[in-house]
Structures are given as C-alpha cells and as structure tokens.
PDB file of N, CA and C in Angstrom:
ATOM      1  N   MET A   1      -8.315 -82.383  -6.703  1.00  0.00           N
ATOM      2  CA  MET A   1      -7.623 -82.967  -7.501  1.00  0.00           C
ATOM      3  C   MET A   1      -5.906 -82.114  -6.558  1.00  0.00           C
ATOM      4  N   SER A   2      -5.072 -82.573  -7.000  1.00  0.00           N
ATOM      5  CA  SER A   2      -3.197 -82.297  -6.845  1.00  0.00           C
ATOM      6  C   SER A   2      -3.541 -81.053  -6.834  1.00  0.00           C
ATOM      7  N   GLN A   3      -2.176 -80.133  -6.254  1.00  0.00           N
ATOM      8  CA  GLN A   3      -1.421 -79.292  -6.156  1.00  0.00           C
ATOM      9  C   GLN A   3      -1.521 -78.836  -7.520  1.00  0.00           C
ATOM     10  N   GLU A   4      -0.041 -79.683  -7.826  1.00  0.00           N
ATOM     11  CA  GLU A   4       0.559 -80.472  -9.031  1.00  0.00           C
ATOM     12  C   GLU A   4      -0.630 -80.204 -10.339  1.00  0.00           C
ATOM     13  N   LEU A   5      -1.574 -80.591 -10.362  1.00  0.00           N
ATOM     14  CA  LEU A   5      -2.792 -80.115 -11.391  1.00  0.00           C
ATOM     15  C   LEU A   5      -2.928 -78.459 -11.105  1.00  0.00           C
ATOM     16  N   TYR A   6      -3.535 -78.118 -10.342  1.00  0.00           N
ATOM     17  CA  TYR A   6      -3.824 -76.438 -10.048  1.00  0.00           C
ATOM     18  C   TYR A   6      -2.587 -76.035 -10.538  1.00  0.00           C
ATOM     19  N   THR A   7      -1.803 -75.859 -10.449  1.00  0.00           N
ATOM     20  CA  THR A   7       0.108 -75.854 -11.030  1.00  0.00           C
ATOM     21  C   THR A   7       0.021 -75.449 -12.281  1.00  0.00           C
ATOM     22  N   ASN A   8       0.169 -77.378 -12.824  1.00  0.00           N
ATOM     23  CA  ASN A   8      -0.469 -76.735 -14.498  1.00  0.00           C
ATOM     24  C   ASN A   8      -1.465 -76.360 -15.247  1.00  0.00           C
ATOM     25  N   LEU A   9      -2.474 -76.525 -14.315  1.00  0.00           N
ATOM     26  CA  LEU A   9      -3.825 -75.527 -14.866  1.00  0.00           C
ATOM     27  C   LEU A   9      -3.329 -73.873 -15.246  1.00  0.00           C
ATOM     28  N   ALA A  10      -3.433 -73.751 -13.731  1.00  0.00           N
ATOM     29  CA  ALA A  10      -2.913 -72.227 -13.864  1.00  0.00           C
ATOM     30  C   ALA A  10      -2.106 -71.831 -15.403  1.00  0.00           C
ATOM     31  N   ILE A  11      -0.826 -72.206 -15.354  1.00  0.00           N
ATOM     32  CA  ILE A  11       0.352 -71.134 -16.061  1.00  0.00           C
ATOM     33  C   ILE A  11      -0.236 -72.762 -17.462  1.00  0.00           C
ATOM     34  N   PHE A  12      -1.095 -73.053 -17.940  1.00  0.00           N
ATOM     35  CA  PHE A  12      -1.379 -73.265 -19.084  1.00  0.00           C
ATOM     36  C   PHE A  12      -2.909 -71.914 -19.073  1.00  0.00           C
ATOM     37  N   VAL A  13      -4.067 -71.158 -18.336  1.00  0.00           N
ATOM     38  CA  VAL A  13      -4.650 -70.426 -19.256  1.00  0.00           C
ATOM     39  C   VAL A  13      -3.463 -69.212 -18.543  1.00  0.00           C
ATOM     40  N   LEU A  14      -2.338 -68.628 -17.818  1.00  0.00           N
ATOM     41  CA  LEU A  14      -1.654 -67.921 -17.782  1.00  0.00           C
ATOM     42  C   LEU A  14      -1.189 -67.364 -19.366  1.00  0.00           C
ATOM     43  N   SER A  15      -1.163 -69.077 -19.617  1.00  0.00           N
ATOM     44  CA  SER A  15       0.206 -68.833 -20.977  1.00  0.00           C
ATOM     45  C   SER A  15      -1.003 -68.600 -22.422  1.00  0.00           C
ATOM     46  N   LEU A  16      -2.669 -69.046 -22.270  1.00  0.00           N
ATOM     47  CA  LEU A  16      -3.403 -68.524 -23.173  1.00  0.00           C
ATOM     48  C   LEU A  16      -3.684 -67.556 -22.937  1.00  0.00           C
ATOM     49  N   LEU A  17      -4.117 -67.063 -22.093  1.00  0.00           N
ATOM     50  CA  LEU A  17      -4.137 -64.989 -21.826  1.00  0.00           C
ATOM     51  C   LEU A  17      -2.685 -64.738 -22.900  1.00  0.00           C
ATOM     52  N   VAL A  18      -1.882 -64.586 -21.850  1.00  0.00           N
ATOM     53  CA  VAL A  18      -0.098 -63.945 -22.695  1.00  0.00           C
ATOM     54  C   VAL A  18      -0.278 -64.455 -24.146  1.00  0.00           C
ATOM     55  N   GLY A  19      -0.519 -65.256 -24.400  1.00  0.00           N
ATOM     56  CA  GLY A  19      -0.518 -65.843 -26.080  1.00  0.00           C
ATOM     57  C   GLY A  19      -1.444 -64.759 -27.168  1.00  0.00           C
ATOM     58  N   PHE A  20      -2.344 -65.125 -26.269  1.00  0.00           N
ATOM     59  CA  PHE A  20      -3.835 -63.966 -27.443  1.00  0.00           C
ATOM     60  C   PHE A  20      -3.733 -62.577 -26.948  1.00  0.00           C
ATOM     61  N   GLU A  21      -3.206 -62.106 -26.220  1.00  0.00           N
ATOM     62  CA  GLU A  21      -2.605 -60.904 -26.054  1.00  0.00           C
ATOM     63  C   GLU A  21      -1.297 -60.185 -26.807  1.00  0.00           C
ATOM     64  N   VAL A  22      -0.233 -61.227 -27.162  1.00  0.00           N
ATOM     65  CA  VAL A  22       0.592 -60.905 -27.818  1.00  0.00           C
ATOM     66  C   VAL A  22      -0.305 -61.282 -29.249  1.00  0.00           C
ATOM     67  N   ILE A  23      -0.643 -61.956 -29.952  1.00  0.00           N
ATOM     68  CA  ILE A  23      -0.952 -62.175 -31.120  1.00  0.00           C
ATOM     69  C   ILE A  23      -2.226 -61.039 -31.823  1.00  0.00           C
ATOM     70  N   SER A  24      -2.764 -60.895 -30.387  1.00  0.00           N
ATOM     71  CA  SER A  24      -3.984 -59.175 -30.542  1.00  0.00           C
ATOM     72  C   SER A  24      -3.615 -58.211 -31.354  1.00  0.00           C
ATOM     73  N   LYS A  25      -2.215 -58.195 -30.538  1.00  0.00           N
ATOM     74  CA  LYS A  25      -1.557 -56.662 -31.201  1.00  0.00           C
ATOM     75  C   LYS A  25      -1.031 -57.070 -32.585  1.00  0.00           C
ATOM     76  N   ILE A  26      -0.464 -57.451 -32.816  1.00  0.00           N
ATOM     77  CA  ILE A  26       0.105 -58.274 -34.078  1.00  0.00           C
ATOM     78  C   ILE A  26      -0.470 -57.193 -35.124  1.00  0.00           C
ATOM     79  N   PRO A  27      -0.485 -57.045 -36.762  1.00  0.00           N
ATOM     80  CA  PRO A  27      -1.554 -57.022 -37.055  1.00  0.00           C
ATOM     81  C   PRO A  27      -1.596 -57.852 -37.953  1.00  0.00           C
ATOM     82  N   ALA A  28      -3.198 -57.921 -39.078  1.00  0.00           N
ATOM     83  CA  ALA A  28      -3.452 -59.047 -39.599  1.00  0.00           C
ATOM     84  C   ALA A  28      -2.589 -59.112 -41.093  1.00  0.00           C
ATOM     85  N   THR A  29      -1.813 -58.188 -40.977  1.00  0.00           N
ATOM     86  CA  THR A  29      -0.544 -57.661 -42.690  1.00  0.00           C
ATOM     87  C   THR A  29       1.020 -58.867 -42.038  1.00  0.00           C
ATOM     88  N   LEU A  30       1.205 -59.231 -40.972  1.00  0.00           N
ATOM     89  CA  LEU A  30       2.531 -59.543 -40.377  1.00  0.00           C
ATOM     90  C   LEU A  30       1.998 -60.739 -39.475  1.00  0.00           C
ATOM     91  N   HIS A  31       0.577 -61.735 -39.789  1.00  0.00           N
ATOM     92  CA  HIS A  31       0.695 -63.114 -39.096  1.00  0.00           C
ATOM     93  C   HIS A  31       0.565 -64.208 -40.191  1.00  0.00           C
ATOM     94  N   THR A  32       0.534 -64.119 -41.726  1.00  0.00           N
ATOM     95  CA  THR A  32       1.314 -65.000 -42.399  1.00  0.00           C
ATOM     96  C   THR A  32       2.822 -64.946 -42.660  1.00  0.00           C
ATOM     97  N   PRO A  33       3.465 -64.213 -42.506  1.00  0.00           N
ATOM     98  CA  PRO A  33       5.337 -63.952 -42.649  1.00  0.00           C
ATOM     99  C   PRO A  33       5.061 -64.499 -40.976  1.00  0.00           C
ATOM    100  N   MET A  34       5.165 -64.245 -39.837  1.00  0.00           N
ATOM    101  CA  MET A  34       5.620 -64.703 -38.939  1.00  0.00           C
ATOM    102  C   MET A  34       4.803 -65.799 -38.813  1.00  0.00           C
ATOM    103  N   MET A  35       4.574 -67.192 -39.591  1.00  0.00           N
ATOM    104  CA  MET A  35       3.851 -68.621 -39.833  1.00  0.00           C
ATOM    105  C   MET A  35       5.828 -69.768 -39.488  1.00  0.00           C
ATOM    106  N   SER A  36       6.048 -69.169 -39.608  1.00  0.00           N
ATOM    107  CA  SER A  36       7.387 -69.647 -40.270  1.00  0.00           C
ATOM    108  C   SER A  36       7.889 -69.697 -38.256  1.00  0.00           C
ATOM    109  N   GLY A  37       7.757 -68.061 -38.105  1.00  0.00           N
ATOM    110  CA  GLY A  37       8.798 -68.470 -36.963  1.00  0.00           C
ATOM    111  C   GLY A  37       7.363 -69.496 -35.592  1.00  0.00           C
ATOM    112  N   ALA A  38       5.954 -69.069 -36.304  1.00  0.00           N
ATOM    113  CA  ALA A  38       5.678 -69.580 -35.222  1.00  0.00           C
ATOM    114  C   ALA A  38       5.736 -71.496 -34.908  1.00  0.00           C
ATOM    115  N   ASN A  39       5.705 -71.601 -36.530  1.00  0.00           N
ATOM    116  CA  ASN A  39       5.657 -72.929 -37.135  1.00  0.00           C
ATOM    117  C   ASN A  39       7.241 -74.105 -35.710  1.00  0.00           C
ATOM    118  N   ALA A  40       8.390 -72.958 -35.369  1.00  0.00           N
ATOM    119  CA  ALA A  40       9.424 -73.711 -34.385  1.00  0.00           C
ATOM    120  C   ALA A  40       8.623 -73.236 -32.683  1.00  0.00           C
ATOM    121  N   ILE A  41       7.724 -72.729 -32.795  1.00  0.00           N
ATOM    122  CA  ILE A  41       7.809 -72.866 -31.089  1.00  0.00           C
ATOM    123  C   ILE A  41       6.503 -73.932 -31.469  1.00  0.00           C
ATOM    124  N   HIS A  42       5.921 -73.957 -32.225  1.00  0.00           N
ATOM    125  CA  HIS A  42       4.248 -75.013 -32.058  1.00  0.00           C
ATOM    126  C   HIS A  42       5.648 -76.057 -31.701  1.00  0.00           C
ATOM    127  N   GLY A  43       6.649 -75.981 -32.716  1.00  0.00           N
ATOM    128  CA  GLY A  43       7.741 -78.047 -32.549  1.00  0.00           C
ATOM    129  C   GLY A  43       7.619 -77.599 -31.385  1.00  0.00           C
ATOM    130  N   VAL A  44       8.837 -76.419 -30.497  1.00  0.00           N
ATOM    131  CA  VAL A  44       8.866 -77.102 -29.157  1.00  0.00           C
ATOM    132  C   VAL A  44       7.662 -77.376 -28.366  1.00  0.00           C
ATOM    133  N   VAL A  45       6.936 -77.017 -28.851  1.00  0.00           N
ATOM    134  CA  VAL A  45       5.296 -77.169 -27.634  1.00  0.00           C
ATOM    135  C   VAL A  45       5.332 -78.154 -28.009  1.00  0.00           C
ATOM    136  N   VAL A  46       4.987 -78.959 -29.393  1.00  0.00           N
ATOM    137  CA  VAL A  46       5.109 -80.715 -29.396  1.00  0.00           C
ATOM    138  C   VAL A  46       6.119 -81.123 -28.267  1.00  0.00           C
ATOM    139  N   VAL A  47       6.674 -80.871 -28.630  1.00  0.00           N
ATOM    140  CA  VAL A  47       8.657 -81.742 -27.605  1.00  0.00           C
ATOM    141  C   VAL A  47       8.132 -81.890 -26.293  1.00  0.00           C
ATOM    142  N   GLY A  48       7.576 -80.215 -26.067  1.00  0.00           N
ATOM    143  CA  GLY A  48       7.007 -80.226 -24.778  1.00  0.00           C
ATOM    144  C   GLY A  48       6.064 -81.431 -24.271  1.00  0.00           C
ATOM    145  N   ALA A  49       5.283 -81.358 -24.661  1.00  0.00           N
ATOM    146  CA  ALA A  49       4.372 -82.170 -24.408  1.00  0.00           C
ATOM    147  C   ALA A  49       4.594 -83.835 -24.542  1.00  0.00           C
ATOM    148  N   ILE A  50       5.226 -83.706 -26.006  1.00  0.00           N
ATOM    149  CA  ILE A  50       5.635 -86.156 -25.792  1.00  0.00           C
ATOM    150  C   ILE A  50       6.357 -86.087 -24.597  1.00  0.00           C
ATOM    151  N   LEU A  51       7.450 -84.743 -23.658  1.00  0.00           N
ATOM    152  CA  LEU A  51       8.086 -85.025 -22.696  1.00  0.00           C
ATOM    153  C   LEU A  51       7.549 -85.067 -21.667  1.00  0.00           C
ATOM    154  N   VAL A  52       6.025 -84.672 -21.378  1.00  0.00           N
ATOM    155  CA  VAL A  52       5.601 -84.641 -20.540  1.00  0.00           C
ATOM    156  C   VAL A  52       4.422 -85.462 -20.150  1.00  0.00           C
ATOM    157  N   ALA A  53       4.202 -86.806 -21.488  1.00  0.00           N
ATOM    158  CA  ALA A  53       3.511 -87.114 -21.533  1.00  0.00           C
ATOM    159  C   ALA A  53       4.280 -88.671 -20.897  1.00  0.00           C
ATOM    160  N   LEU A  54       5.338 -88.453 -21.439  1.00  0.00           N
ATOM    161  CA  LEU A  54       6.849 -89.315 -21.035  1.00  0.00           C
ATOM    162  C   LEU A  54       6.819 -89.304 -19.073  1.00  0.00           C
ATOM    163  N   GLU A  55       6.855 -87.512 -18.932  1.00  0.00           N
ATOM    164  CA  GLU A  55       6.589 -88.010 -16.955  1.00  0.00           C
ATOM    165  C   GLU A  55       5.088 -88.323 -17.059  1.00  0.00           C
ATOM    166  N   ALA A  56       4.511 -89.120 -17.470  1.00  0.00           N
ATOM    167  CA  ALA A  56       3.039 -88.655 -17.143  1.00  0.00           C
ATOM    168  C   ALA A  56       2.040 -89.358 -15.869  1.00  0.00           C
ATOM    169  N   ASN A  57       2.075 -89.456 -14.702  1.00  0.00           N
ATOM    170  CA  ASN A  57       1.596 -89.926 -13.744  1.00  0.00           C
ATOM    171  C   ASN A  57       0.175 -90.415 -13.377  1.00  0.00           C
ATOM    172  N   THR A  58      -0.775 -89.363 -14.087  1.00  0.00           N
ATOM    173  CA  THR A  58      -1.930 -90.177 -14.188  1.00  0.00           C
ATOM    174  C   THR A  58      -2.657 -89.930 -15.811  1.00  0.00           C
ATOM    175  N   VAL A  59      -3.761 -90.268 -15.590  1.00  0.00           N
ATOM    176  CA  VAL A  59      -4.401 -90.064 -16.730  1.00  0.00           C
ATOM    177  C   VAL A  59      -4.848 -88.727 -17.307  1.00  0.00           C
ATOM    178  N   THR A  60      -5.106 -88.062 -16.607  1.00  0.00           N
ATOM    179  CA  THR A  60      -5.421 -86.720 -16.944  1.00  0.00           C
ATOM    180  C   THR A  60      -4.241 -85.540 -17.112  1.00  0.00           C
ATOM    181  N   PHE A  61      -2.732 -86.029 -16.823  1.00  0.00           N
ATOM    182  CA  PHE A  61      -1.947 -85.471 -17.624  1.00  0.00           C
ATOM    183  C   PHE A  61      -2.121 -85.538 -18.986  1.00  0.00           C
ATOM    184  N   TYR A  62      -2.017 -87.618 -18.884  1.00  0.00           N
ATOM    185  CA  TYR A  62      -1.207 -87.744 -20.120  1.00  0.00           C
ATOM    186  C   TYR A  62      -3.154 -87.660 -20.831  1.00  0.00           C
ATOM    187  N   VAL A  63      -3.477 -87.010 -21.282  1.00  0.00           N
ATOM    188  CA  VAL A  63      -4.262 -86.754 -22.182  1.00  0.00           C
ATOM    189  C   VAL A  63      -4.595 -85.432 -22.091  1.00  0.00           C
ATOM    190  N   ILE A  64      -4.361 -84.516 -21.443  1.00  0.00           N
ATOM    191  CA  ILE A  64      -4.142 -83.086 -21.407  1.00  0.00           C
ATOM    192  C   ILE A  64      -2.348 -83.085 -22.545  1.00  0.00           C
ATOM    193  N   ALA A  65      -2.127 -83.598 -22.033  1.00  0.00           N
ATOM    194  CA  ALA A  65      -0.492 -83.835 -23.017  1.00  0.00           C
ATOM    195  C   ALA A  65      -0.351 -84.003 -24.352  1.00  0.00           C
ATOM    196  N   PHE A  66      -1.685 -85.767 -24.548  1.00  0.00           N
ATOM    197  CA  PHE A  66      -1.562 -85.599 -25.594  1.00  0.00           C
ATOM    198  C   PHE A  66      -2.491 -85.060 -26.766  1.00  0.00           C
ATOM    199  N   ILE A  67      -3.510 -83.866 -25.639  1.00  0.00           N
ATOM    200  CA  ILE A  67      -4.115 -83.293 -26.557  1.00  0.00           C
ATOM    201  C   ILE A  67      -3.029 -81.967 -27.229  1.00  0.00           C
ATOM    202  N   ALA A  68      -2.131 -81.576 -26.290  1.00  0.00           N
ATOM    203  CA  ALA A  68      -0.605 -80.715 -26.604  1.00  0.00           C
ATOM    204  C   ALA A  68      -0.465 -80.377 -27.979  1.00  0.00           C
ATOM    205  N   ALA A  69       0.302 -82.200 -27.683  1.00  0.00           N
ATOM    206  CA  ALA A  69       1.061 -82.346 -28.825  1.00  0.00           C
ATOM    207  C   ALA A  69       0.152 -82.698 -30.492  1.00  0.00           C
ATOM    208  N   PHE A  70      -1.574 -83.288 -29.679  1.00  0.00           N
ATOM    209  CA  PHE A  70      -2.302 -83.372 -31.586  1.00  0.00           C
ATOM    210  C   PHE A  70      -2.588 -81.553 -31.704  1.00  0.00           C
ATOM    211  N   LEU A  71      -2.532 -80.987 -30.849  1.00  0.00           N
ATOM    212  CA  LEU A  71      -3.559 -79.375 -31.092  1.00  0.00           C
ATOM    213  C   LEU A  71      -1.541 -78.597 -32.084  1.00  0.00           C
ATOM    214  N   GLY A  72      -0.950 -79.327 -31.460  1.00  0.00           N
ATOM    215  CA  GLY A  72       1.180 -78.196 -31.998  1.00  0.00           C
ATOM    216  C   GLY A  72       0.577 -79.268 -32.769  1.00  0.00           C
ATOM    217  N   ALA A  73       0.555 -79.969 -32.795  1.00  0.00           N
ATOM    218  CA  ALA A  73       1.526 -81.050 -34.838  1.00  0.00           C
ATOM    219  C   ALA A  73       0.052 -80.078 -36.021  1.00  0.00           C
ATOM    220  N   ILE A  74      -1.492 -79.974 -35.453  1.00  0.00           N
ATOM    221  CA  ILE A  74      -1.668 -79.725 -36.457  1.00  0.00           C
ATOM    222  C   ILE A  74      -1.272 -78.230 -36.643  1.00  0.00           C
ATOM    223  N   ASN A  75      -0.771 -77.638 -36.049  1.00  0.00           N
ATOM    224  CA  ASN A  75      -0.682 -76.116 -35.978  1.00  0.00           C
ATOM    225  C   ASN A  75       0.585 -76.475 -36.906  1.00  0.00           C
ATOM    226  N   VAL A  76       1.807 -76.581 -36.618  1.00  0.00           N
ATOM    227  CA  VAL A  76       2.812 -76.802 -37.469  1.00  0.00           C
ATOM    228  C   VAL A  76       2.413 -77.495 -39.365  1.00  0.00           C
ATOM    229  N   SER A  77       1.255 -78.042 -39.140  1.00  0.00           N
ATOM    230  CA  SER A  77       1.428 -78.852 -40.717  1.00  0.00           C
ATOM    231  C   SER A  77       0.680 -77.488 -41.318  1.00  0.00           C
ATOM    232  N   GLY A  78      -0.418 -76.843 -40.330  1.00  0.00           N
ATOM    233  CA  GLY A  78      -1.244 -75.796 -40.847  1.00  0.00           C
ATOM    234  C   GLY A  78      -0.049 -74.692 -40.993  1.00  0.00           C
ATOM    235  N   GLY A  79       1.024 -74.281 -40.789  1.00  0.00           N
ATOM    236  CA  GLY A  79       1.391 -73.376 -40.828  1.00  0.00           C
ATOM    237  C   GLY A  79       2.923 -73.721 -42.104  1.00  0.00           C
ATOM    238  N   TYR A  80       3.181 -75.293 -42.330  1.00  0.00           N
ATOM    239  CA  TYR A  80       3.614 -74.674 -43.102  1.00  0.00           C
ATOM    240  C   TYR A  80       2.830 -74.683 -45.177  1.00  0.00           C
ATOM    241  N   VAL A  81       1.716 -74.992 -44.198  1.00  0.00           N
ATOM    242  CA  VAL A  81       0.768 -74.968 -45.533  1.00  0.00           C
ATOM    243  C   VAL A  81       1.081 -73.737 -45.821  1.00  0.00           C
ATOM    244  N   VAL A  82       0.231 -72.483 -44.802  1.00  0.00           N
ATOM    245  CA  VAL A  82       0.519 -71.127 -44.701  1.00  0.00           C
ATOM    246  C   VAL A  82       1.426 -70.395 -45.152  1.00  0.00           C
ATOM    247  N   THR A  83       3.129 -71.404 -44.847  1.00  0.00           N
ATOM    248  CA  THR A  83       3.765 -70.475 -44.910  1.00  0.00           C
ATOM    249  C   THR A  83       4.694 -71.150 -47.073  1.00  0.00           C
ATOM    250  N   ASP A  84       4.379 -72.509 -47.073  1.00  0.00           N
ATOM    251  CA  ASP A  84       4.049 -72.501 -49.136  1.00  0.00           C
ATOM    252  C   ASP A  84       3.099 -71.930 -49.783  1.00  0.00           C
ATOM    253  N   ARG A  85       2.196 -72.093 -49.516  1.00  0.00           N
ATOM    254  CA  ARG A  85       1.138 -70.592 -50.409  1.00  0.00           C
ATOM    255  C   ARG A  85       1.533 -69.650 -50.009  1.00  0.00           C
ATOM    256  N   MET A  86       1.736 -69.009 -48.918  1.00  0.00           N
ATOM    257  CA  MET A  86       2.530 -67.699 -49.198  1.00  0.00           C
ATOM    258  C   MET A  86       3.996 -67.421 -50.160  1.00  0.00           C
ATOM    259  N   LEU A  87       4.513 -68.551 -50.090  1.00  0.00           N
ATOM    260  CA  LEU A  87       6.210 -68.500 -51.055  1.00  0.00           C
ATOM    261  C   LEU A  87       4.961 -68.553 -52.494  1.00  0.00           C
ATOM    262  N   GLU A  88       4.538 -69.496 -52.987  1.00  0.00           N
ATOM    263  CA  GLU A  88       4.248 -70.101 -53.678  1.00  0.00           C
ATOM    264  C   GLU A  88       3.837 -67.873 -55.076  1.00  0.00           C
ATOM    265  N   MET A  89       2.908 -66.978 -54.137  1.00  0.00           N
ATOM    266  CA  MET A  89       2.383 -66.090 -54.349  1.00  0.00           C
ATOM    267  C   MET A  89       3.958 -65.502 -54.489  1.00  0.00           C
ATOM    268  N   PHE A  90       4.414 -65.188 -54.286  1.00  0.00           N
ATOM    269  CA  PHE A  90       5.587 -64.711 -54.479  1.00  0.00           C
ATOM    270  C   PHE A  90       7.184 -65.115 -55.609  1.00  0.00           C
ATOM    271  N   SER A  91       6.447 -66.201 -55.664  1.00  0.00           N
ATOM    272  CA  SER A  91       7.260 -67.207 -56.866  1.00  0.00           C
ATOM    273  C   SER A  91       7.165 -66.604 -58.141  1.00  0.00           C
ATOM    274  N   LYS A  92       7.867 -66.795 -58.794  1.00  0.00           N
ATOM    275  CA  LYS A  92       8.156 -66.083 -60.672  1.00  0.00           C
ATOM    276  C   LYS A  92       7.309 -67.006 -60.856  1.00  0.00           C
ATOM    277  N   PRO A  93       6.035 -67.565 -61.910  1.00  0.00           N
ATOM    278  CA  PRO A  93       5.584 -68.289 -63.223  1.00  0.00           C
ATOM    279  C   PRO A  93       5.912 -69.334 -63.677  1.00  0.00           C
ATOM    280  N   LYS A  94       5.972 -70.054 -63.502  1.00  0.00           N
ATOM    281  CA  LYS A  94       7.008 -71.313 -64.340  1.00  0.00           C
ATOM    282  C   LYS A  94       7.038 -71.438 -65.916  1.00  0.00           C
ATOM    283  N   ASP A  95       7.506 -71.217 -66.203  1.00  0.00           N
ATOM    284  CA  ASP A  95       7.098 -71.125 -67.809  1.00  0.00           C
ATOM    285  C   ASP A  95       7.055 -72.587 -68.476  1.00  0.00           C
ATOM    286  N   LYS A  96       6.049 -72.797 -68.783  1.00  0.00           N
ATOM    287  CA  LYS A  96       5.550 -74.499 -69.866  1.00  0.00           C
ATOM    288  C   LYS A  96       6.053 -74.353 -70.325  1.00  0.00           C
ATOM    289  N   GLY A  97       6.224 -73.557 -71.819  1.00  0.00           N
ATOM    290  CA  GLY A  97       6.536 -74.114 -72.438  1.00  0.00           C
ATOM    291  C   GLY A  97       8.248 -74.355 -72.590  1.00  0.00           C
ATOM    292  N   ASN A  98       8.916 -74.509 -72.045  1.00  0.00           N
ATOM    293  CA  ASN A  98      10.408 -74.813 -71.737  1.00  0.00           C
ATOM    294  C   ASN A  98      10.315 -75.812 -71.084  1.00  0.00           C
ATOM    295  N   LYS A  99      11.306 -77.146 -71.409  1.00  0.00           N
ATOM    296  CA  LYS A  99      11.469 -77.884 -71.262  1.00  0.00           C
ATOM    297  C   LYS A  99      12.913 -78.346 -69.799  1.00  0.00           C
ATOM    298  N   GLY A 100      12.874 -78.313 -69.806  1.00  0.00           N
ATOM    299  CA  GLY A 100      14.333 -77.693 -68.608  1.00  0.00           C
ATOM    300  C   GLY A 100      15.631 -77.445 -69.017  1.00  0.00           C
ATOM    301  N   GLY A 101      15.200 -76.497 -70.279  1.00  0.00           N
ATOM    302  CA  GLY A 101      16.292 -75.996 -71.272  1.00  0.00           C
ATOM    303  C   GLY A 101      16.617 -74.256 -70.585  1.00  0.00           C
ATOM    304  N   ASP A 102      17.633 -74.038 -71.386  1.00  0.00           N
ATOM    305  CA  ASP A 102      18.220 -72.150 -70.682  1.00  0.00           C
ATOM    306  C   ASP A 102      16.552 -71.786 -70.548  1.00  0.00           C
ATOM    307  N   LYS A 103      17.324 -70.260 -69.649  1.00  0.00           N
ATOM    308  CA  LYS A 103      15.929 -70.266 -68.945  1.00  0.00           C
ATOM    309  C   LYS A 103      15.101 -68.435 -69.642  1.00  0.00           C
TER     310      LYS A 103
END
C-alpha cells in the first residue's frame, strides 16, 4: 500500500475516534435537535467524498469515496426524516373540520 493510503486511513480512524468522543458526551435529549446541524456536516462529507472520487487515481480510493458518499447520503436523508418527525411533535394538530376557512 502507498503512503498516501496510510495517511488517509489514519485521518479516517482519527476522525472516527474524535466523532465518537464528541457524540458520546452529548446528552440523549439533545440528539434529535442536533440533527439539523448534523445534516449540514454530512452534506459537507458527501461533497468531500464526491471530490475525492473525482480525483481518485486507484480503485481503492474510488471505492472508499463511494462508500463515504453513500453513507453520508443515508445520514442526510435520515436526519431530515428525524427532524421532520420532531417538528411534527411540536406542531399544533390540524383542524380536520376546517376546509381552508378561518382558524
């Protein structure tokens, strides 16, 4: 394996450790409200993975970039689903008898 691959894998492992440490320090009650902020971070991950895939000169780098983009996209879509459910919990119930008139 090349030195560049070892460097990228080391950065990846360190980012996993730092991310796990940061997430484990957050109380469970704050995880759902933080999903909106996490969506932005995962969006950056997806863009970064696409840029890495464009510059990939080996199949290994391309596969790693594809996996990162795929997992980041899953996180973004899941984050939006969780955020939508959270917003539904705090919204007022809709009046089913009102057909577009006054409140």
